[in-house]
PDB file of N, CA and C in Angstrom:
ATOM      1  N   MET A   1     101.272 130.147  27.710  1.00  0.00           N
ATOM      2  CA  MET A   1     100.541 131.407  27.320  1.00  0.00           C
ATOM      3  C   MET A   1     101.383 132.494  27.133  1.00  0.00           C
ATOM      4  N   THR A   2     101.121 133.163  25.987  1.00  0.00           N
ATOM      5  CA  THR A   2     102.076 134.269  25.559  1.00  0.00           C
ATOM      6  C   THR A   2     101.740 135.456  26.606  1.00  0.00           C
ATOM      7  N   THR A   3     102.761 136.207  26.617  1.00  0.00           N
ATOM      8  CA  THR A   3     102.677 137.535  27.381  1.00  0.00           C
ATOM      9  C   THR A   3     101.515 138.338  26.945  1.00  0.00           C
ATOM     10  N   THR A   4     101.352 138.498  25.734  1.00  0.00           N
ATOM     11  CA  THR A   4     100.203 139.312  25.192  1.00  0.00           C
ATOM     12  C   THR A   4      98.808 138.777  25.554  1.00  0.00           C
ATOM     13  N   LEU A   5      98.741 137.439  25.415  1.00  0.00           N
ATOM     14  CA  LEU A   5      97.500 136.885  25.803  1.00  0.00           C
ATOM     15  C   LEU A   5      97.219 136.950  27.319  1.00  0.00           C
ATOM     16  N   LYS A   6      98.290 136.812  28.078  1.00  0.00           N
ATOM     17  CA  LYS A   6      98.082 137.064  29.578  1.00  0.00           C
ATOM     18  C   LYS A   6      97.694 138.428  29.855  1.00  0.00           C
ATOM     19  N   LYS A   7      98.177 139.494  29.192  1.00  0.00           N
ATOM     20  CA  LYS A   7      97.838 140.821  29.409  1.00  0.00           C
ATOM     21  C   LYS A   7      96.293 140.989  29.094  1.00  0.00           C
ATOM     22  N   ALA A   8      95.992 140.394  27.992  1.00  0.00           N
ATOM     23  CA  ALA A   8      94.671 140.616  27.599  1.00  0.00           C
ATOM     24  C   ALA A   8      93.603 139.905  28.565  1.00  0.00           C
ATOM     25  N   PHE A   9      93.940 138.763  29.052  1.00  0.00           N
ATOM     26  CA  PHE A   9      93.095 138.064  30.068  1.00  0.00           C
ATOM     27  C   PHE A   9      93.078 138.911  31.401  1.00  0.00           C
ATOM     28  N   ASP A  10      94.257 139.417  31.806  1.00  0.00           N
ATOM     29  CA  ASP A  10      94.371 140.210  32.988  1.00  0.00           C
ATOM     30  C   ASP A  10      93.479 141.394  32.943  1.00  0.00           C
ATOM     31  N   LYS A  11      93.488 142.100  31.845  1.00  0.00           N
ATOM     32  CA  LYS A  11      92.803 143.312  31.589  1.00  0.00           C
ATOM     33  C   LYS A  11      91.277 142.892  31.567  1.00  0.00           C
ATOM     34  N   ALA A  12      90.831 141.901  30.882  1.00  0.00           N
ATOM     35  CA  ALA A  12      89.483 141.484  30.795  1.00  0.00           C
ATOM     36  C   ALA A  12      89.032 141.106  32.131  1.00  0.00           C
ATOM     37  N   ALA A  13      89.835 140.599  33.037  1.00  0.00           N
ATOM     38  CA  ALA A  13      89.474 140.280  34.390  1.00  0.00           C
ATOM     39  C   ALA A  13      89.006 141.493  35.179  1.00  0.00           C
ATOM     40  N   GLU A  14      89.518 142.743  34.836  1.00  0.00           N
ATOM     41  CA  GLU A  14      89.271 143.766  35.534  1.00  0.00           C
ATOM     42  C   GLU A  14      87.840 144.586  35.196  1.00  0.00           C
ATOM     43  N   LEU A  15      87.352 143.959  34.016  1.00  0.00           N
ATOM     44  CA  LEU A  15      85.972 144.387  33.471  1.00  0.00           C
ATOM     45  C   LEU A  15      84.859 144.062  34.376  1.00  0.00           C
ATOM     46  N   PRO A  16      83.807 144.790  34.281  1.00  0.00           N
ATOM     47  CA  PRO A  16      82.574 144.297  34.767  1.00  0.00           C
ATOM     48  C   PRO A  16      81.978 142.918  34.283  1.00  0.00           C
ATOM     49  N   GLU A  17      81.362 142.166  34.922  1.00  0.00           N
ATOM     50  CA  GLU A  17      81.001 140.792  34.476  1.00  0.00           C
ATOM     51  C   GLU A  17      80.293 140.811  33.206  1.00  0.00           C
ATOM     52  N   ALA A  18      79.420 141.633  32.911  1.00  0.00           N
ATOM     53  CA  ALA A  18      78.784 141.775  31.686  1.00  0.00           C
ATOM     54  C   ALA A  18      79.827 141.976  30.510  1.00  0.00           C
ATOM     55  N   GLN A  19      80.735 142.750  30.675  1.00  0.00           N
ATOM     56  CA  GLN A  19      81.683 143.078  29.673  1.00  0.00           C
ATOM     57  C   GLN A  19      82.609 141.899  29.551  1.00  0.00           C
ATOM     58  N   GLN A  20      82.960 141.291  30.626  1.00  0.00           N
ATOM     59  CA  GLN A  20      83.819 140.026  30.460  1.00  0.00           C
ATOM     60  C   GLN A  20      83.043 139.103  29.626  1.00  0.00           C
ATOM     61  N   GLU A  21      81.797 138.870  29.829  1.00  0.00           N
ATOM     62  CA  GLU A  21      80.957 137.875  29.043  1.00  0.00           C
ATOM     63  C   GLU A  21      81.098 138.311  27.591  1.00  0.00           C
ATOM     64  N   ALA A  22      80.775 139.543  27.204  1.00  0.00           N
ATOM     65  CA  ALA A  22      80.817 140.019  25.859  1.00  0.00           C
ATOM     66  C   ALA A  22      82.289 139.857  25.316  1.00  0.00           C
ATOM     67  N   PHE A  23      83.327 140.065  26.084  1.00  0.00           N
ATOM     68  CA  PHE A  23      84.554 139.775  25.617  1.00  0.00           C
ATOM     69  C   PHE A  23      84.879 138.270  25.304  1.00  0.00           C
ATOM     70  N   ALA A  24      84.448 137.375  26.222  1.00  0.00           N
ATOM     71  CA  ALA A  24      84.427 136.012  26.113  1.00  0.00           C
ATOM     72  C   ALA A  24      83.857 135.530  24.743  1.00  0.00           C
ATOM     73  N   LYS A  25      82.651 135.961  24.604  1.00  0.00           N
ATOM     74  CA  LYS A  25      81.896 135.525  23.406  1.00  0.00           C
ATOM     75  C   LYS A  25      82.655 136.056  22.135  1.00  0.00           C
ATOM     76  N   PHE A  26      83.091 137.246  22.157  1.00  0.00           N
ATOM     77  CA  PHE A  26      83.751 137.753  20.937  1.00  0.00           C
ATOM     78  C   PHE A  26      85.080 136.953  20.791  1.00  0.00           C
ATOM     79  N   LEU A  27      85.786 136.701  21.748  1.00  0.00           N
ATOM     80  CA  LEU A  27      87.056 135.883  21.575  1.00  0.00           C
ATOM     81  C   LEU A  27      86.718 134.436  21.024  1.00  0.00           C
ATOM     82  N   LEU A  28      85.695 133.757  21.511  1.00  0.00           N
ATOM     83  CA  LEU A  28      85.391 132.460  21.104  1.00  0.00           C
ATOM     84  C   LEU A  28      84.926 132.550  19.579  1.00  0.00           C
ATOM     85  N   GLU A  29      84.246 133.554  19.211  1.00  0.00           N
ATOM     86  CA  GLU A  29      83.698 133.652  17.792  1.00  0.00           C
ATOM     87  C   GLU A  29      84.996 133.895  16.937  1.00  0.00           C
ATOM     88  N   GLU A  30      85.933 134.689  17.391  1.00  0.00           N
ATOM     89  CA  GLU A  30      87.138 134.960  16.563  1.00  0.00           C
ATOM     90  C   GLU A  30      87.988 133.711  16.525  1.00  0.00           C
ATOM     91  N   LEU A  31      87.982 132.875  17.604  1.00  0.00           N
ATOM     92  CA  LEU A  31      88.798 131.761  17.587  1.00  0.00           C
ATOM     93  C   LEU A  31      88.133 130.657  16.578  1.00  0.00           C
ATOM     94  N   ASP A  32      86.844 130.564  16.502  1.00  0.00           N
ATOM     95  CA  ASP A  32      86.105 129.751  15.559  1.00  0.00           C
ATOM     96  C   ASP A  32      86.426 130.317  14.073  1.00  0.00           C
ATOM     97  N   PHE A  33      86.457 131.493  13.907  1.00  0.00           N
ATOM     98  CA  PHE A  33      86.675 132.165  12.574  1.00  0.00           C
ATOM     99  C   PHE A  33      88.119 131.747  12.039  1.00  0.00           C
ATOM    100  N   VAL A  34      89.046 131.986  12.967  1.00  0.00           N
ATOM    101  CA  VAL A  34      90.426 131.665  12.597  1.00  0.00           C
ATOM    102  C   VAL A  34      90.545 130.256  12.430  1.00  0.00           C
ATOM    103  N   THR A  35      89.914 129.308  13.025  1.00  0.00           N
ATOM    104  CA  THR A  35      89.990 127.876  12.915  1.00  0.00           C
ATOM    105  C   THR A  35      89.453 127.580  11.550  1.00  0.00           C
ATOM    106  N   ALA A  36      88.332 128.159  11.259  1.00  0.00           N
ATOM    107  CA  ALA A  36      87.777 127.865   9.994  1.00  0.00           C
ATOM    108  C   ALA A  36      88.436 128.374   8.811  1.00  0.00           C
ATOM    109  N   VAL A  37      89.100 129.446   8.930  1.00  0.00           N
ATOM    110  CA  VAL A  37      89.934 129.912   7.809  1.00  0.00           C
ATOM    111  C   VAL A  37      91.139 128.985   7.649  1.00  0.00           C
ATOM    112  N   GLN A  38      91.678 128.511   8.721  1.00  0.00           N
ATOM    113  CA  GLN A  38      92.920 127.670   8.715  1.00  0.00           C
ATOM    114  C   GLN A  38      92.450 126.306   7.962  1.00  0.00           C
ATOM    115  N   GLU A  39      91.316 125.861   8.313  1.00  0.00           N
ATOM    116  CA  GLU A  39      90.769 124.538   7.860  1.00  0.00           C
ATOM    117  C   GLU A  39      90.686 124.756   6.257  1.00  0.00           C
ATOM    118  N   GLY A  40      90.225 125.929   5.767  1.00  0.00           N
ATOM    119  CA  GLY A  40      90.006 126.182   4.384  1.00  0.00           C
ATOM    120  C   GLY A  40      91.252 126.292   3.749  1.00  0.00           C
ATOM    121  N   VAL A  41      92.351 126.923   4.270  1.00  0.00           N
ATOM    122  CA  VAL A  41      93.657 126.938   3.645  1.00  0.00           C
ATOM    123  C   VAL A  41      94.274 125.737   3.694  1.00  0.00           C
ATOM    124  N   ASP A  42      94.137 124.880   4.691  1.00  0.00           N
ATOM    125  CA  ASP A  42      94.657 123.399   4.616  1.00  0.00           C
ATOM    126  C   ASP A  42      93.985 122.672   3.611  1.00  0.00           C
ATOM    127  N   ALA A  43      92.635 122.667   3.459  1.00  0.00           N
ATOM    128  CA  ALA A  43      91.905 122.014   2.399  1.00  0.00           C
ATOM    129  C   ALA A  43      92.371 122.448   1.014  1.00  0.00           C
ATOM    130  N   ALA A  44      92.608 123.782   0.775  1.00  0.00           N
ATOM    131  CA  ALA A  44      93.109 124.184  -0.517  1.00  0.00           C
ATOM    132  C   ALA A  44      94.440 123.796  -0.866  1.00  0.00           C
ATOM    133  N   GLU A  45      95.259 123.706   0.125  1.00  0.00           N
ATOM    134  CA  GLU A  45      96.696 123.177  -0.136  1.00  0.00           C
ATOM    135  C   GLU A  45      96.598 121.671  -0.424  1.00  0.00           C
ATOM    136  N   ARG A  46      95.592 121.049  -0.004  1.00  0.00           N
ATOM    137  CA  ARG A  46      95.469 119.653  -0.251  1.00  0.00           C
ATOM    138  C   ARG A  46      94.846 119.391  -1.648  1.00  0.00           C
ATOM    139  N   GLY A  47      94.425 120.528  -2.194  1.00  0.00           N
ATOM    140  CA  GLY A  47      93.745 120.423  -3.590  1.00  0.00           C
ATOM    141  C   GLY A  47      92.254 120.204  -3.389  1.00  0.00           C
ATOM    142  N   GLU A  48      91.751 120.321  -2.152  1.00  0.00           N
ATOM    143  CA  GLU A  48      90.388 120.264  -2.028  1.00  0.00           C
ATOM    144  C   GLU A  48      89.640 121.458  -2.398  1.00  0.00           C
ATOM    145  N   THR A  49      89.326 121.762  -3.609  1.00  0.00           N
ATOM    146  CA  THR A  49      88.610 123.044  -4.001  1.00  0.00           C
ATOM    147  C   THR A  49      87.367 122.700  -4.817  1.00  0.00           C
ATOM    148  N   VAL A  50      86.573 123.741  -4.983  1.00  0.00           N
ATOM    149  CA  VAL A  50      85.378 123.587  -5.774  1.00  0.00           C
ATOM    150  C   VAL A  50      85.493 124.808  -6.750  1.00  0.00           C
ATOM    151  N   SER A  51      84.679 124.632  -7.796  1.00  0.00           N
ATOM    152  CA  SER A  51      84.603 125.817  -8.857  1.00  0.00           C
ATOM    153  C   SER A  51      83.753 126.853  -8.159  1.00  0.00           C
ATOM    154  N   ILE A  52      83.990 128.049  -8.739  1.00  0.00           N
ATOM    155  CA  ILE A  52      83.183 129.228  -8.383  1.00  0.00           C
ATOM    156  C   ILE A  52      81.685 128.930  -8.553  1.00  0.00           C
ATOM    157  N   GLU A  53      81.285 128.190  -9.560  1.00  0.00           N
ATOM    158  CA  GLU A  53      79.817 127.953  -9.812  1.00  0.00           C
ATOM    159  C   GLU A  53      79.309 127.080  -8.715  1.00  0.00           C
ATOM    160  N   ASP A  54      80.147 126.069  -8.190  1.00  0.00           N
ATOM    161  CA  ASP A  54      79.683 125.244  -7.106  1.00  0.00           C
ATOM    162  C   ASP A  54      79.528 125.901  -5.832  1.00  0.00           C
ATOM    163  N   ALA A  55      80.534 126.889  -5.673  1.00  0.00           N
ATOM    164  CA  ALA A  55      80.637 127.717  -4.354  1.00  0.00           C
ATOM    165  C   ALA A  55      79.406 128.593  -4.421  1.00  0.00           C
ATOM    166  N   ARG A  56      79.173 129.232  -5.466  1.00  0.00           N
ATOM    167  CA  ARG A  56      77.897 130.015  -5.536  1.00  0.00           C
ATOM    168  C   ARG A  56      76.571 129.290  -5.233  1.00  0.00           C
ATOM    169  N   ALA A  57      76.526 128.016  -5.715  1.00  0.00           N
ATOM    170  CA  ALA A  57      75.361 127.183  -5.382  1.00  0.00           C
ATOM    171  C   ALA A  57      75.253 126.841  -3.984  1.00  0.00           C
ATOM    172  N   MET A  58      76.267 126.829  -3.139  1.00  0.00           N
ATOM    173  CA  MET A  58      76.330 126.516  -1.855  1.00  0.00           C
ATOM    174  C   MET A  58      75.852 127.714  -0.906  1.00  0.00           C
ATOM    175  N   ILE A  59      76.011 128.935  -1.357  1.00  0.00           N
ATOM    176  CA  ILE A  59      75.851 130.038  -0.573  1.00  0.00           C
ATOM    177  C   ILE A  59      74.406 129.982   0.097  1.00  0.00           C
ATOM    178  N   PRO A  60      73.382 129.707  -0.655  1.00  0.00           N
ATOM    179  CA  PRO A  60      71.985 129.768  -0.042  1.00  0.00           C
ATOM    180  C   PRO A  60      71.940 128.809   1.251  1.00  0.00           C
ATOM    181  N   LYS A  61      72.493 127.696   1.162  1.00  0.00           N
ATOM    182  CA  LYS A  61      72.606 126.622   2.271  1.00  0.00           C
ATOM    183  C   LYS A  61      73.379 127.280   3.358  1.00  0.00           C
ATOM    184  N   TRP A  62      74.542 127.866   3.101  1.00  0.00           N
ATOM    185  CA  TRP A  62      75.346 128.440   4.215  1.00  0.00           C
ATOM    186  C   TRP A  62      74.602 129.516   4.984  1.00  0.00           C
ATOM    187  N   ILE A  63      73.869 130.398   4.169  1.00  0.00           N
ATOM    188  CA  ILE A  63      73.191 131.486   4.678  1.00  0.00           C
ATOM    189  C   ILE A  63      72.056 130.853   5.644  1.00  0.00           C
ATOM    190  N   SER A  64      71.314 129.848   5.156  1.00  0.00           N
ATOM    191  CA  SER A  64      70.233 129.273   5.893  1.00  0.00           C
ATOM    192  C   SER A  64      70.763 128.614   7.228  1.00  0.00           C
ATOM    193  N   GLU A  65      71.977 127.912   7.125  1.00  0.00           N
ATOM    194  CA  GLU A  65      72.630 127.323   8.407  1.00  0.00           C
ATOM    195  C   GLU A  65      73.013 128.475   9.300  1.00  0.00           C
ATOM    196  N   SER A  66      73.594 129.459   8.756  1.00  0.00           N
ATOM    197  CA  SER A  66      74.065 130.487   9.689  1.00  0.00           C
ATOM    198  C   SER A  66      72.931 131.203  10.286  1.00  0.00           C
ATOM    199  N   SER A  67      71.749 131.427   9.678  1.00  0.00           N
ATOM    200  CA  SER A  67      70.644 132.139  10.156  1.00  0.00           C
ATOM    201  C   SER A  67      69.878 131.314  11.228  1.00  0.00           C
ATOM    202  N   SER A  68      70.218 130.023  11.249  1.00  0.00           N
ATOM    203  CA  SER A  68      69.367 129.181  12.188  1.00  0.00           C
ATOM    204  C   SER A  68      70.200 128.904  13.411  1.00  0.00           C
ATOM    205  N   ARG A  69      71.481 129.324  13.450  1.00  0.00           N
ATOM    206  CA  ARG A  69      72.235 129.254  14.623  1.00  0.00           C
ATOM    207  C   ARG A  69      71.713 130.113  15.732  1.00  0.00           C
ATOM    208  N   ASN A  70      71.904 129.607  16.998  1.00  0.00           N
ATOM    209  CA  ASN A  70      71.517 130.335  18.188  1.00  0.00           C
ATOM    210  C   ASN A  70      72.814 131.087  18.602  1.00  0.00           C
ATOM    211  N   TRP A  71      72.841 132.348  18.445  1.00  0.00           N
ATOM    212  CA  TRP A  71      74.015 133.128  18.649  1.00  0.00           C
ATOM    213  C   TRP A  71      74.083 133.762  20.098  1.00  0.00           C
ATOM    214  N   HIS A  72      73.184 133.288  20.984  1.00  0.00           N
ATOM    215  CA  HIS A  72      73.173 133.895  22.358  1.00  0.00           C
ATOM    216  C   HIS A  72      73.921 132.990  23.178  1.00  0.00           C
TER     217      HIS A  72
END
């Protein structure tokens, strides 16, 4: 564990429980985002891309899937 990450966790441990929970949820969402971005970069580097027209056609499905997630 890096020094910075340890400092963040130590500081978070001092927060009230509700704020710890909010921090943990935020951190998990950010980790999911960073992972997804890296997966996209890796796919692009492998040449796995789609045209802008195909990407635009996928947006309604992505919105629908995102809207149906349980974010709690």
